[in-house]
Amino acid sequence: MGAGPGTPELAAAVANAGGLGSMPAAYLPPDDIRRTIRRFRELSKKPLNVNLFAGGHHDRIDVDPAPMLRLMERVHKTLGIDPPLTPTPAPDQFAQSLEVVLEMKPEIFSFTFGVPDRGTLDRLRTLGILTFGTATTLREARILADGGVDAIVAQGAEAGGHRGTFEGSFEDALVPTLELTEQIARSVSVPVIAAGGIMDGRDIKAALDRGAVAVQMGTAFLACPEAGTPEGEKRELLNAKRDTTVLTRAFSGRVARVLHNEFIDLVDEKNILPFPIQASLTRPMRAASAASGETRFLPMLVGTGMARTRAMPAAELVATLVAEMRSVQDEP
């Protein structure tokens, strides 16, 4: 839920209601990560999870950027913003961001797109910070378990946002959430957290029945007032009658599940720049779209359960989810 929706206010509201508040930090400069964690601590004394990308970074452009720039020029003109600039590859800031995590000591550190080295995991463990790694296949789960993580997030095919695949192709890693959860729970001794398409108490109960010890939910909280979700995206979610998500690299250079829109149709797959260079190129477009309520060019990273999104305060939603789950448990 990076680049907007995930806020310290949302994380704190979830935490104070009895859930685990999570903060996306991969897109934040190190100083902003520090400020964000401090803001959470002002709002809640409960445990906090901070998430970073632990891989998948490209520091060079391996395709001709001209076709993509020409497309972006047309989009920028439509939005009334300055012409795009050729993106400059930037170094991976994972190491610097990790130092802030180690300094601020959140109770949990989660990661996706790869696995930090054993030394990094040992440093976190020494400070008493639990580690959660993301797996999209059983093979990845075993790699994470061998690396010594404390829990594995099983990211099913239904999940919104970027695919966490780091071994093999993403096409081979589109395993349904419940199936993936059961595969991993049966094969490794590490606790499993189910993620993807989980929107209500019945979904939670189904994941627990398949071996999960907890669930991770994102799309379900996008319409909460504490979330930084652009108003245009909230409107699209709350008006949705069915799943209209697709998998695309158009916005960031990395495969993500998003709501289908005009920009995806405009982009030729072969012209997309690698992650995160494509993300840098599209950032002004995304910012302008979010500010104006325009959704034709906005990356709306949501899961397949999008049509069941509910608008209510985060604490109320947590209570509702728990009540729904208990109601299902009590069914004959």
C-alpha atoms as a PDB file:
ATOM      1  CA  MET A   1       0.000   0.000   0.000  1.00  0.00           C
ATOM      2  CA  GLY A   2       2.910   2.298  -0.748  1.00  0.00           C
ATOM      3  CA  ALA A   3       2.883   5.621  -2.594  1.00  0.00           C
ATOM      4  CA  GLY A   4      -0.185   6.959  -0.814  1.00  0.00           C
ATOM      5  CA  PRO A   5      -2.718   4.529   0.705  1.00  0.00           C
ATOM      6  CA  GLY A   6      -0.527   3.281   3.541  1.00  0.00           C
ATOM      7  CA  THR A   7      -0.357   6.022   6.175  1.00  0.00           C
ATOM      8  CA  PRO A   8       0.720   6.045   9.835  1.00  0.00           C
ATOM      9  CA  GLU A   9      -2.851   7.039  10.688  1.00  0.00           C
ATOM     10  CA  LEU A  10      -4.219   3.907   9.020  1.00  0.00           C
ATOM     11  CA  ALA A  11      -1.566   1.663  10.566  1.00  0.00           C
ATOM     12  CA  ALA A  12      -2.228   3.128  14.015  1.00  0.00           C
ATOM     13  CA  ALA A  13      -6.001   2.801  13.702  1.00  0.00           C
ATOM     14  CA  VAL A  14      -5.655  -0.871  12.753  1.00  0.00           C
ATOM     15  CA  ALA A  15      -3.150  -1.483  15.539  1.00  0.00           C
ATOM     16  CA  ASN A  16      -5.265   0.219  18.182  1.00  0.00           C
ATOM     17  CA  ALA A  17      -8.238  -1.891  17.092  1.00  0.00           C
ATOM     18  CA  GLY A  18      -6.302  -5.117  17.663  1.00  0.00           C
ATOM     19  CA  GLY A  19      -4.723  -5.794  14.280  1.00  0.00           C
ATOM     20  CA  LEU A  20      -1.099  -5.417  13.216  1.00  0.00           C
ATOM     21  CA  GLY A  21      -0.491  -2.010  11.705  1.00  0.00           C
ATOM     22  CA  SER A  22       1.836  -2.050   8.701  1.00  0.00           C
ATOM     23  CA  MET A  23       3.778   0.755   7.049  1.00  0.00           C
ATOM     24  CA  PRO A  24       5.049   0.602   3.456  1.00  0.00           C
ATOM     25  CA  ALA A  25       8.499   2.208   3.396  1.00  0.00           C
ATOM     26  CA  ALA A  26      10.064   1.112   0.106  1.00  0.00           C
ATOM     27  CA  TYR A  27       9.247   4.371  -1.694  1.00  0.00           C
ATOM     28  CA  LEU A  28      10.234   6.639   1.182  1.00  0.00           C
ATOM     29  CA  PRO A  29      13.643   8.297   1.618  1.00  0.00           C
ATOM     30  CA  PRO A  30      15.341   7.176   4.832  1.00  0.00           C
ATOM     31  CA  ASP A  31      14.504  10.411   6.687  1.00  0.00           C
ATOM     32  CA  ASP A  32      10.820  10.008   5.784  1.00  0.00           C
ATOM     33  CA  ILE A  33      10.838   6.435   7.061  1.00  0.00           C
ATOM     34  CA  ARG A  34      12.094   7.731  10.388  1.00  0.00           C
ATOM     35  CA  ARG A  35       9.439  10.444  10.522  1.00  0.00           C
ATOM     36  CA  THR A  36       6.685   8.007   9.560  1.00  0.00           C
ATOM     37  CA  ILE A  37       7.596   5.558  12.316  1.00  0.00           C
ATOM     38  CA  ARG A  38       7.746   8.384  14.835  1.00  0.00           C
ATOM     39  CA  ARG A  39       4.290   9.520  13.739  1.00  0.00           C
ATOM     40  CA  PHE A  40       2.936   6.007  14.244  1.00  0.00           C
ATOM     41  CA  ARG A  41       4.475   5.930  17.739  1.00  0.00           C
ATOM     42  CA  GLU A  42       2.664   9.184  18.560  1.00  0.00           C
ATOM     43  CA  LEU A  43      -0.642   7.560  17.619  1.00  0.00           C
ATOM     44  CA  SER A  44      -0.189   4.033  18.953  1.00  0.00           C
ATOM     45  CA  LYS A  45       1.847   2.050  21.457  1.00  0.00           C
ATOM     46  CA  LYS A  46       1.018  -1.196  19.669  1.00  0.00           C
ATOM     47  CA  PRO A  47       3.404  -3.302  17.520  1.00  0.00           C
ATOM     48  CA  LEU A  48       4.327  -2.015  14.059  1.00  0.00           C
ATOM     49  CA  ASN A  49       5.390  -3.768  10.856  1.00  0.00           C
ATOM     50  CA  VAL A  50       7.624  -1.876   8.394  1.00  0.00           C
ATOM     51  CA  ASN A  51       7.999  -3.191   4.843  1.00  0.00           C
ATOM     52  CA  LEU A  52      10.817  -2.783   2.294  1.00  0.00           C
ATOM     53  CA  PHE A  53      11.640  -4.217  -1.126  1.00  0.00           C
ATOM     54  CA  ALA A  54      14.564  -6.633  -0.776  1.00  0.00           C
ATOM     55  CA  GLY A  55      15.396  -7.100  -4.444  1.00  0.00           C
ATOM     56  CA  GLY A  56      14.211  -6.555  -7.996  1.00  0.00           C
ATOM     57  CA  HIS A  57      16.041  -3.237  -8.413  1.00  0.00           C
ATOM     58  CA  HIS A  58      17.502  -2.313 -11.814  1.00  0.00           C
ATOM     59  CA  ASP A  59      20.137   0.402 -12.106  1.00  0.00           C
ATOM     60  CA  ARG A  60      20.364   0.606 -15.892  1.00  0.00           C
ATOM     61  CA  ILE A  61      17.986   1.040 -18.829  1.00  0.00           C
ATOM     62  CA  ASP A  62      18.170  -1.938 -21.183  1.00  0.00           C
ATOM     63  CA  VAL A  63      15.574  -0.758 -23.714  1.00  0.00           C
ATOM     64  CA  ASP A  64      15.323   2.375 -25.853  1.00  0.00           C
ATOM     65  CA  PRO A  65      13.441   4.899 -23.683  1.00  0.00           C
ATOM     66  CA  ALA A  66      12.335   7.050 -26.654  1.00  0.00           C
ATOM     67  CA  PRO A  67       9.015   5.273 -27.416  1.00  0.00           C
ATOM     68  CA  MET A  68       7.976   5.395 -23.759  1.00  0.00           C
ATOM     69  CA  LEU A  69       8.948   9.051 -23.507  1.00  0.00           C
ATOM     70  CA  ARG A  70       6.849   9.885 -26.572  1.00  0.00           C
ATOM     71  CA  LEU A  71       3.836   8.215 -24.982  1.00  0.00           C
ATOM     72  CA  MET A  72       4.400  10.008 -21.706  1.00  0.00           C
ATOM     73  CA  GLU A  73       4.636  13.339 -23.528  1.00  0.00           C
ATOM     74  CA  ARG A  74       1.104  12.802 -24.859  1.00  0.00           C
ATOM     75  CA  VAL A  75      -0.203  11.799 -21.439  1.00  0.00           C
ATOM     76  CA  HIS A  76       1.471  14.763 -19.738  1.00  0.00           C
ATOM     77  CA  LYS A  77      -0.076  17.084 -22.306  1.00  0.00           C
ATOM     78  CA  THR A  78      -3.508  15.617 -21.572  1.00  0.00           C
ATOM     79  CA  LEU A  79      -2.963  16.205 -17.853  1.00  0.00           C
ATOM     80  CA  GLY A  80      -1.589  19.693 -18.388  1.00  0.00           C
ATOM     81  CA  ILE A  81       1.772  19.058 -16.717  1.00  0.00           C
ATOM     82  CA  ASP A  82       5.371  19.670 -17.796  1.00  0.00           C
ATOM     83  CA  PRO A  83       6.894  17.315 -20.407  1.00  0.00           C
ATOM     84  CA  PRO A  84       8.523  14.186 -18.970  1.00  0.00           C
ATOM     85  CA  LEU A  85      12.255  13.946 -18.407  1.00  0.00           C
ATOM     86  CA  THR A  86      14.401  10.981 -19.358  1.00  0.00           C
ATOM     87  CA  PRO A  87      14.630   8.987 -16.119  1.00  0.00           C
ATOM     88  CA  THR A  88      18.027   8.581 -14.523  1.00  0.00           C
ATOM     89  CA  PRO A  89      18.674   5.192 -12.895  1.00  0.00           C
ATOM     90  CA  ALA A  90      19.150   5.576  -9.151  1.00  0.00           C
ATOM     91  CA  PRO A  91      21.002   3.279  -6.744  1.00  0.00           C
ATOM     92  CA  ASP A  92      19.039   0.865  -4.590  1.00  0.00           C
ATOM     93  CA  GLN A  93      18.398   2.490  -1.203  1.00  0.00           C
ATOM     94  CA  PHE A  94      17.570  -0.768   0.599  1.00  0.00           C
ATOM     95  CA  ALA A  95      20.762  -0.699   2.684  1.00  0.00           C
ATOM     96  CA  GLN A  96      20.199   2.892   3.858  1.00  0.00           C
ATOM     97  CA  SER A  97      16.523   2.242   4.572  1.00  0.00           C
ATOM     98  CA  LEU A  98      17.375  -0.895   6.509  1.00  0.00           C
ATOM     99  CA  GLU A  99      19.694   1.099   8.774  1.00  0.00           C
ATOM    100  CA  VAL A 100      16.739   3.312   9.693  1.00  0.00           C
ATOM    101  CA  VAL A 101      14.657   0.221  10.454  1.00  0.00           C
ATOM    102  CA  LEU A 102      17.418  -1.096  12.701  1.00  0.00           C
ATOM    103  CA  GLU A 103      17.644   2.297  14.403  1.00  0.00           C
ATOM    104  CA  MET A 104      13.883   2.683  14.938  1.00  0.00           C
ATOM    105  CA  LYS A 105      13.317  -0.949  15.937  1.00  0.00           C
ATOM    106  CA  PRO A 106       9.776  -1.704  14.781  1.00  0.00           C
ATOM    107  CA  GLU A 107       8.530  -4.957  16.245  1.00  0.00           C
ATOM    108  CA  ILE A 108       8.323  -6.553  12.791  1.00  0.00           C
ATOM    109  CA  PHE A 109      10.217  -6.082   9.522  1.00  0.00           C
ATOM    110  CA  SER A 110       8.628  -7.524   6.393  1.00  0.00           C
ATOM    111  CA  PHE A 111      10.076  -7.687   2.907  1.00  0.00           C
ATOM    112  CA  THR A 112       9.211  -8.687  -0.623  1.00  0.00           C
ATOM    113  CA  PHE A 113      10.882  -9.156  -4.062  1.00  0.00           C
ATOM    114  CA  GLY A 114      13.660 -11.251  -2.539  1.00  0.00           C
ATOM    115  CA  VAL A 115      15.439 -12.317   0.629  1.00  0.00           C
ATOM    116  CA  PRO A 116      17.987 -10.276   2.602  1.00  0.00           C
ATOM    117  CA  ASP A 117      21.258 -12.053   3.299  1.00  0.00           C
ATOM    118  CA  ARG A 118      21.697 -14.106   6.441  1.00  0.00           C
ATOM    119  CA  GLY A 119      23.783 -11.373   8.070  1.00  0.00           C
ATOM    120  CA  THR A 120      20.968  -8.877   7.698  1.00  0.00           C
ATOM    121  CA  LEU A 121      18.411 -11.275   9.150  1.00  0.00           C
ATOM    122  CA  ASP A 122      20.774 -11.992  12.042  1.00  0.00           C
ATOM    123  CA  ARG A 123      21.118  -8.259  12.794  1.00  0.00           C
ATOM    124  CA  LEU A 124      17.332  -7.902  12.892  1.00  0.00           C
ATOM    125  CA  ARG A 125      16.991 -10.975  15.097  1.00  0.00           C
ATOM    126  CA  THR A 126      19.635  -9.678  17.526  1.00  0.00           C
ATOM    127  CA  LEU A 127      17.510  -6.561  18.044  1.00  0.00           C
ATOM    128  CA  GLY A 128      14.410  -8.656  18.667  1.00  0.00           C
ATOM    129  CA  ILE A 129      12.763  -7.658  15.379  1.00  0.00           C
ATOM    130  CA  LEU A 130      10.638 -10.402  13.835  1.00  0.00           C
ATOM    131  CA  THR A 131      10.983 -10.977  10.082  1.00  0.00           C
ATOM    132  CA  PHE A 132       8.204 -11.760   7.587  1.00  0.00           C
ATOM    133  CA  GLY A 133       9.092 -12.703   4.001  1.00  0.00           C
ATOM    134  CA  THR A 134       6.788 -12.842   0.978  1.00  0.00           C
ATOM    135  CA  ALA A 135       6.428 -16.013  -1.101  1.00  0.00           C
ATOM    136  CA  THR A 136       4.350 -16.575  -4.220  1.00  0.00           C
ATOM    137  CA  THR A 137       5.301 -20.250  -4.605  1.00  0.00           C
ATOM    138  CA  LEU A 138       6.181 -23.174  -2.386  1.00  0.00           C
ATOM    139  CA  ARG A 139       9.755 -23.017  -3.673  1.00  0.00           C
ATOM    140  CA  GLU A 140      10.082 -19.407  -2.509  1.00  0.00           C
ATOM    141  CA  ALA A 141       8.571 -20.331   0.851  1.00  0.00           C
ATOM    142  CA  ARG A 142      11.217 -22.977   1.359  1.00  0.00           C
ATOM    143  CA  ILE A 143      13.953 -20.478   0.519  1.00  0.00           C
ATOM    144  CA  LEU A 144      12.528 -18.084   3.102  1.00  0.00           C
ATOM    145  CA  ALA A 145      12.219 -20.823   5.705  1.00  0.00           C
ATOM    146  CA  ASP A 146      15.822 -21.865   5.101  1.00  0.00           C
ATOM    147  CA  GLY A 147      16.795 -18.211   5.532  1.00  0.00           C
ATOM    148  CA  GLY A 148      15.361 -18.190   9.033  1.00  0.00           C
ATOM    149  CA  VAL A 149      12.324 -15.896   8.719  1.00  0.00           C
ATOM    150  CA  ASP A 150       9.781 -15.879  11.522  1.00  0.00           C
ATOM    151  CA  ALA A 151       6.743 -16.016   9.225  1.00  0.00           C
ATOM    152  CA  ILE A 152       5.928 -16.370   5.542  1.00  0.00           C
ATOM    153  CA  VAL A 153       3.343 -14.216   3.764  1.00  0.00           C
ATOM    154  CA  ALA A 154       1.714 -16.420   1.114  1.00  0.00           C
ATOM    155  CA  GLN A 155       0.833 -13.953  -1.647  1.00  0.00           C
ATOM    156  CA  GLY A 156      -1.816 -15.584  -3.788  1.00  0.00           C
ATOM    157  CA  ALA A 157      -2.734 -14.760  -7.357  1.00  0.00           C
ATOM    158  CA  GLU A 158      -5.688 -12.642  -6.181  1.00  0.00           C
ATOM    159  CA  ALA A 159      -3.485 -10.134  -4.348  1.00  0.00           C
ATOM    160  CA  GLY A 160      -3.439  -6.515  -5.435  1.00  0.00           C
ATOM    161  CA  GLY A 161      -0.238  -4.588  -6.036  1.00  0.00           C
ATOM    162  CA  HIS A 162       3.157  -5.839  -7.083  1.00  0.00           C
ATOM    163  CA  ARG A 163       3.798  -9.536  -7.378  1.00  0.00           C
ATOM    164  CA  GLY A 164       6.479 -10.586  -4.915  1.00  0.00           C
ATOM    165  CA  THR A 165       7.900 -13.342  -7.128  1.00  0.00           C
ATOM    166  CA  PHE A 166      11.689 -13.639  -6.881  1.00  0.00           C
ATOM    167  CA  GLU A 167      12.348 -17.176  -8.180  1.00  0.00           C
ATOM    168  CA  GLY A 168      11.067 -18.109 -11.615  1.00  0.00           C
ATOM    169  CA  SER A 169       8.467 -16.357 -13.743  1.00  0.00           C
ATOM    170  CA  PHE A 170       5.451 -14.559 -12.365  1.00  0.00           C
ATOM    171  CA  GLU A 171       3.249 -16.592 -14.712  1.00  0.00           C
ATOM    172  CA  ASP A 172       4.250 -19.758 -12.858  1.00  0.00           C
ATOM    173  CA  ALA A 173       3.613 -18.072  -9.510  1.00  0.00           C
ATOM    174  CA  LEU A 174      -0.068 -17.234  -9.899  1.00  0.00           C
ATOM    175  CA  VAL A 175      -1.266 -19.740  -7.332  1.00  0.00           C
ATOM    176  CA  PRO A 176      -4.661 -19.061  -5.709  1.00  0.00           C
ATOM    177  CA  THR A 177      -4.326 -17.796  -2.145  1.00  0.00           C
ATOM    178  CA  LEU A 178      -5.988 -20.698  -0.343  1.00  0.00           C
ATOM    179  CA  GLU A 179      -4.126 -23.285  -2.394  1.00  0.00           C
ATOM    180  CA  LEU A 180      -0.771 -21.576  -1.834  1.00  0.00           C
ATOM    181  CA  THR A 181      -1.463 -21.172   1.883  1.00  0.00           C
ATOM    182  CA  GLU A 182      -2.215 -24.862   2.261  1.00  0.00           C
ATOM    183  CA  GLN A 183       0.835 -25.904   0.222  1.00  0.00           C
ATOM    184  CA  ILE A 184       3.181 -23.844   2.362  1.00  0.00           C
ATOM    185  CA  ALA A 185       1.550 -24.688   5.700  1.00  0.00           C
ATOM    186  CA  ARG A 186       1.886 -28.392   4.966  1.00  0.00           C
ATOM    187  CA  SER A 187       5.493 -28.175   3.790  1.00  0.00           C
ATOM    188  CA  VAL A 188       7.339 -25.805   6.145  1.00  0.00           C
ATOM    189  CA  SER A 189       7.307 -25.350   9.898  1.00  0.00           C
ATOM    190  CA  VAL A 190       7.253 -21.541   9.705  1.00  0.00           C
ATOM    191  CA  PRO A 191       3.890 -19.828  10.420  1.00  0.00           C
ATOM    192  CA  VAL A 192       2.001 -18.772   7.294  1.00  0.00           C
ATOM    193  CA  ILE A 193       0.098 -15.515   6.742  1.00  0.00           C
ATOM    194  CA  ALA A 194      -2.402 -15.653   3.867  1.00  0.00           C
ATOM    195  CA  ALA A 195      -2.658 -12.666   1.509  1.00  0.00           C
ATOM    196  CA  GLY A 196      -4.716 -12.021  -1.595  1.00  0.00           C
ATOM    197  CA  GLY A 197      -8.433 -11.514  -2.199  1.00  0.00           C
ATOM    198  CA  ILE A 198      -9.304 -11.561   1.516  1.00  0.00           C
ATOM    199  CA  MET A 199     -12.108  -9.062   2.077  1.00  0.00           C
ATOM    200  CA  ASP A 200     -14.395 -10.290   4.864  1.00  0.00           C
ATOM    201  CA  GLY A 201     -14.672 -12.573   7.861  1.00  0.00           C
ATOM    202  CA  ARG A 202     -15.649 -15.581   5.767  1.00  0.00           C
ATOM    203  CA  ASP A 203     -12.474 -15.167   3.702  1.00  0.00           C
ATOM    204  CA  ILE A 204     -10.420 -14.961   6.901  1.00  0.00           C
ATOM    205  CA  LYS A 205     -11.974 -18.131   8.268  1.00  0.00           C
ATOM    206  CA  ALA A 206     -11.310 -19.947   4.976  1.00  0.00           C
ATOM    207  CA  ALA A 207      -7.619 -18.974   5.118  1.00  0.00           C
ATOM    208  CA  LEU A 208      -7.290 -20.084   8.736  1.00  0.00           C
ATOM    209  CA  ASP A 209      -8.924 -23.387   7.846  1.00  0.00           C
ATOM    210  CA  ARG A 210      -6.270 -23.942   5.183  1.00  0.00           C
ATOM    211  CA  GLY A 211      -3.395 -23.530   7.633  1.00  0.00           C
ATOM    212  CA  ALA A 212      -2.798 -19.792   7.970  1.00  0.00           C
ATOM    213  CA  VAL A 213      -2.168 -18.349  11.430  1.00  0.00           C
ATOM    214  CA  ALA A 214      -3.219 -14.872  10.274  1.00  0.00           C
ATOM    215  CA  VAL A 215      -4.186 -12.932   7.173  1.00  0.00           C
ATOM    216  CA  GLN A 216      -2.783  -9.840   5.494  1.00  0.00           C
ATOM    217  CA  MET A 217      -5.330  -7.438   4.002  1.00  0.00           C
ATOM    218  CA  GLY A 218      -4.793  -4.361   1.850  1.00  0.00           C
ATOM    219  CA  THR A 219      -7.607  -3.701  -0.617  1.00  0.00           C
ATOM    220  CA  ALA A 220     -10.218  -4.082   2.130  1.00  0.00           C
ATOM    221  CA  PHE A 221      -8.795  -0.977   3.863  1.00  0.00           C
ATOM    222  CA  LEU A 222      -8.376   1.308   0.832  1.00  0.00           C
ATOM    223  CA  ALA A 223     -11.680   3.118   1.359  1.00  0.00           C
ATOM    224  CA  CYS A 224     -11.082   3.791   5.053  1.00  0.00           C
ATOM    225  CA  PRO A 225     -10.880   7.527   5.848  1.00  0.00           C
ATOM    226  CA  GLU A 226      -7.445   7.019   7.441  1.00  0.00           C
ATOM    227  CA  ALA A 227      -6.003   5.659   4.179  1.00  0.00           C
ATOM    228  CA  GLY A 228      -4.235   8.002   1.774  1.00  0.00           C
ATOM    229  CA  THR A 229      -6.002   6.441  -1.193  1.00  0.00           C
ATOM    230  CA  PRO A 230      -6.712   8.988  -3.974  1.00  0.00           C
ATOM    231  CA  GLU A 231     -10.369   9.996  -4.039  1.00  0.00           C
ATOM    232  CA  GLY A 232     -10.710   8.875  -7.641  1.00  0.00           C
ATOM    233  CA  GLU A 233      -9.559   5.390  -6.732  1.00  0.00           C
ATOM    234  CA  LYS A 234     -11.934   5.211  -3.761  1.00  0.00           C
ATOM    235  CA  ARG A 235     -14.759   6.194  -6.074  1.00  0.00           C
ATOM    236  CA  GLU A 236     -13.850   3.466  -8.578  1.00  0.00           C
ATOM    237  CA  LEU A 237     -13.708   0.846  -5.834  1.00  0.00           C
ATOM    238  CA  LEU A 238     -16.973   1.748  -4.178  1.00  0.00           C
ATOM    239  CA  ASN A 239     -18.797   1.851  -7.526  1.00  0.00           C
ATOM    240  CA  ALA A 240     -17.342  -1.444  -8.750  1.00  0.00           C
ATOM    241  CA  LYS A 241     -19.769  -4.279  -9.444  1.00  0.00           C
ATOM    242  CA  ARG A 242     -17.228  -6.896 -10.501  1.00  0.00           C
ATOM    243  CA  ASP A 243     -13.512  -7.633 -10.679  1.00  0.00           C
ATOM    244  CA  THR A 244     -11.847  -5.542 -13.390  1.00  0.00           C
ATOM    245  CA  THR A 245      -8.241  -6.064 -12.325  1.00  0.00           C
ATOM    246  CA  VAL A 246      -5.417  -7.004 -14.685  1.00  0.00           C
ATOM    247  CA  LEU A 247      -1.733  -7.797 -14.347  1.00  0.00           C
ATOM    248  CA  THR A 248       0.560  -5.226 -15.942  1.00  0.00           C
ATOM    249  CA  ARG A 249       4.063  -3.759 -15.862  1.00  0.00           C
ATOM    250  CA  ALA A 250       2.882  -0.446 -17.306  1.00  0.00           C
ATOM    251  CA  PHE A 251       3.146   1.733 -14.221  1.00  0.00           C
ATOM    252  CA  SER A 252       6.345   0.596 -12.530  1.00  0.00           C
ATOM    253  CA  GLY A 253       8.152  -1.901 -14.745  1.00  0.00           C
ATOM    254  CA  ARG A 254       7.253  -4.731 -12.393  1.00  0.00           C
ATOM    255  CA  VAL A 255       4.165  -6.911 -12.690  1.00  0.00           C
ATOM    256  CA  ALA A 256       1.331  -5.677 -10.487  1.00  0.00           C
ATOM    257  CA  ARG A 257      -2.387  -6.326 -10.197  1.00  0.00           C
ATOM    258  CA  VAL A 258      -4.281  -3.094 -10.799  1.00  0.00           C
ATOM    259  CA  LEU A 259      -7.656  -1.816 -11.937  1.00  0.00           C
ATOM    260  CA  HIS A 260      -7.786  -1.764 -15.720  1.00  0.00           C
ATOM    261  CA  ASN A 261      -7.675   1.742 -17.194  1.00  0.00           C
ATOM    262  CA  GLU A 262      -6.722   3.726 -20.301  1.00  0.00           C
ATOM    263  CA  PHE A 263      -3.003   3.988 -19.581  1.00  0.00           C
ATOM    264  CA  ILE A 264      -2.592   0.212 -19.600  1.00  0.00           C
ATOM    265  CA  ASP A 265      -4.140   0.073 -23.083  1.00  0.00           C
ATOM    266  CA  LEU A 266      -1.813   2.817 -24.334  1.00  0.00           C
ATOM    267  CA  VAL A 267       1.407   1.127 -23.261  1.00  0.00           C
ATOM    268  CA  ASP A 268       3.245  -1.294 -25.535  1.00  0.00           C
ATOM    269  CA  GLU A 269       4.746  -3.993 -23.300  1.00  0.00           C
ATOM    270  CA  LYS A 270       8.035  -4.072 -25.192  1.00  0.00           C
ATOM    271  CA  ASN A 271       8.666  -0.368 -24.501  1.00  0.00           C
ATOM    272  CA  ILE A 272       8.293  -0.536 -20.714  1.00  0.00           C
ATOM    273  CA  LEU A 273      11.423   0.387 -18.789  1.00  0.00           C
ATOM    274  CA  PRO A 274      12.702  -1.851 -15.963  1.00  0.00           C
ATOM    275  CA  PHE A 275      11.650  -1.447 -12.338  1.00  0.00           C
ATOM    276  CA  PRO A 276      11.955   1.044 -10.677  1.00  0.00           C
ATOM    277  CA  ILE A 277      12.994   3.260 -13.618  1.00  0.00           C
ATOM    278  CA  GLN A 278       9.538   3.018 -15.193  1.00  0.00           C
ATOM    279  CA  ALA A 279       8.085   4.011 -11.821  1.00  0.00           C
ATOM    280  CA  SER A 280      10.268   7.115 -11.777  1.00  0.00           C
ATOM    281  CA  LEU A 281       9.127   8.045 -15.271  1.00  0.00           C
ATOM    282  CA  THR A 282       5.433   7.686 -14.439  1.00  0.00           C
ATOM    283  CA  ARG A 283       5.635   9.406 -11.037  1.00  0.00           C
ATOM    284  CA  PRO A 284       4.572  12.903 -12.251  1.00  0.00           C
ATOM    285  CA  MET A 285       1.643  11.358 -14.146  1.00  0.00           C
ATOM    286  CA  ARG A 286       0.598   9.406 -11.079  1.00  0.00           C
ATOM    287  CA  ALA A 287       0.873  12.406  -8.780  1.00  0.00           C
ATOM    288  CA  ALA A 288      -1.096  14.662 -11.112  1.00  0.00           C
ATOM    289  CA  SER A 289      -3.790  12.025 -11.572  1.00  0.00           C
ATOM    290  CA  ALA A 290      -4.144  11.461  -7.836  1.00  0.00           C
ATOM    291  CA  ALA A 291      -4.389  15.188  -7.138  1.00  0.00           C
ATOM    292  CA  SER A 292      -7.018  15.832  -9.806  1.00  0.00           C
ATOM    293  CA  GLY A 293      -9.200  12.770  -9.250  1.00  0.00           C
ATOM    294  CA  GLU A 294      -8.317  11.502 -12.738  1.00  0.00           C
ATOM    295  CA  THR A 295      -8.308   7.698 -12.927  1.00  0.00           C
ATOM    296  CA  ARG A 296      -7.460   7.105 -16.599  1.00  0.00           C
ATOM    297  CA  PHE A 297      -3.737   7.275 -15.836  1.00  0.00           C
ATOM    298  CA  LEU A 298      -3.719   6.345 -12.148  1.00  0.00           C
ATOM    299  CA  PRO A 299      -2.253   3.034 -10.917  1.00  0.00           C
ATOM    300  CA  MET A 300      -4.987   1.612  -8.701  1.00  0.00           C
ATOM    301  CA  LEU A 301      -3.272  -1.350  -7.061  1.00  0.00           C
ATOM    302  CA  VAL A 302      -6.095  -3.559  -5.828  1.00  0.00           C
ATOM    303  CA  GLY A 303      -6.924  -7.234  -5.476  1.00  0.00           C
ATOM    304  CA  THR A 304      -9.625  -9.315  -7.098  1.00  0.00           C
ATOM    305  CA  GLY A 305     -12.005  -8.736  -4.186  1.00  0.00           C
ATOM    306  CA  MET A 306     -12.191  -5.033  -5.075  1.00  0.00           C
ATOM    307  CA  ALA A 307     -15.966  -4.990  -5.635  1.00  0.00           C
ATOM    308  CA  ARG A 308     -16.475  -5.892  -1.962  1.00  0.00           C
ATOM    309  CA  THR A 309     -14.585  -2.863  -0.608  1.00  0.00           C
ATOM    310  CA  ARG A 310     -16.405  -1.099   2.242  1.00  0.00           C
ATOM    311  CA  ALA A 311     -16.112   2.517   3.321  1.00  0.00           C
ATOM    312  CA  MET A 312     -15.836   2.723   7.099  1.00  0.00           C
ATOM    313  CA  PRO A 313     -13.258   3.779   9.692  1.00  0.00           C
ATOM    314  CA  ALA A 314     -10.435   1.276  10.069  1.00  0.00           C
ATOM    315  CA  ALA A 315     -11.297   0.376  13.670  1.00  0.00           C
ATOM    316  CA  GLU A 316     -14.888  -0.287  12.685  1.00  0.00           C
ATOM    317  CA  LEU A 317     -13.751  -2.445   9.790  1.00  0.00           C
ATOM    318  CA  VAL A 318     -11.471  -4.502  12.056  1.00  0.00           C
ATOM    319  CA  ALA A 319     -14.348  -5.059  14.488  1.00  0.00           C
ATOM    320  CA  THR A 320     -16.655  -5.984  11.616  1.00  0.00           C
ATOM    321  CA  LEU A 321     -14.174  -8.494  10.230  1.00  0.00           C
ATOM    322  CA  VAL A 322     -13.761 -10.152  13.625  1.00  0.00           C
ATOM    323  CA  ALA A 323     -17.530 -10.332  14.123  1.00  0.00           C
ATOM    324  CA  GLU A 324     -18.002 -11.812  10.658  1.00  0.00           C
ATOM    325  CA  MET A 325     -15.326 -14.421  11.271  1.00  0.00           C
ATOM    326  CA  ARG A 326     -16.867 -15.422  14.595  1.00  0.00           C
ATOM    327  CA  SER A 327     -20.283 -15.619  12.992  1.00  0.00           C
ATOM    328  CA  VAL A 328     -18.932 -18.046  10.378  1.00  0.00           C
ATOM    329  CA  GLN A 329     -17.268 -20.106  13.104  1.00  0.00           C
ATOM    330  CA  ASP A 330     -20.614 -20.403  14.883  1.00  0.00           C
ATOM    331  CA  GLU A 331     -22.434 -21.666  11.805  1.00  0.00           C
ATOM    332  CA  PRO A 332     -23.653 -25.272  12.103  1.00  0.00           C
END
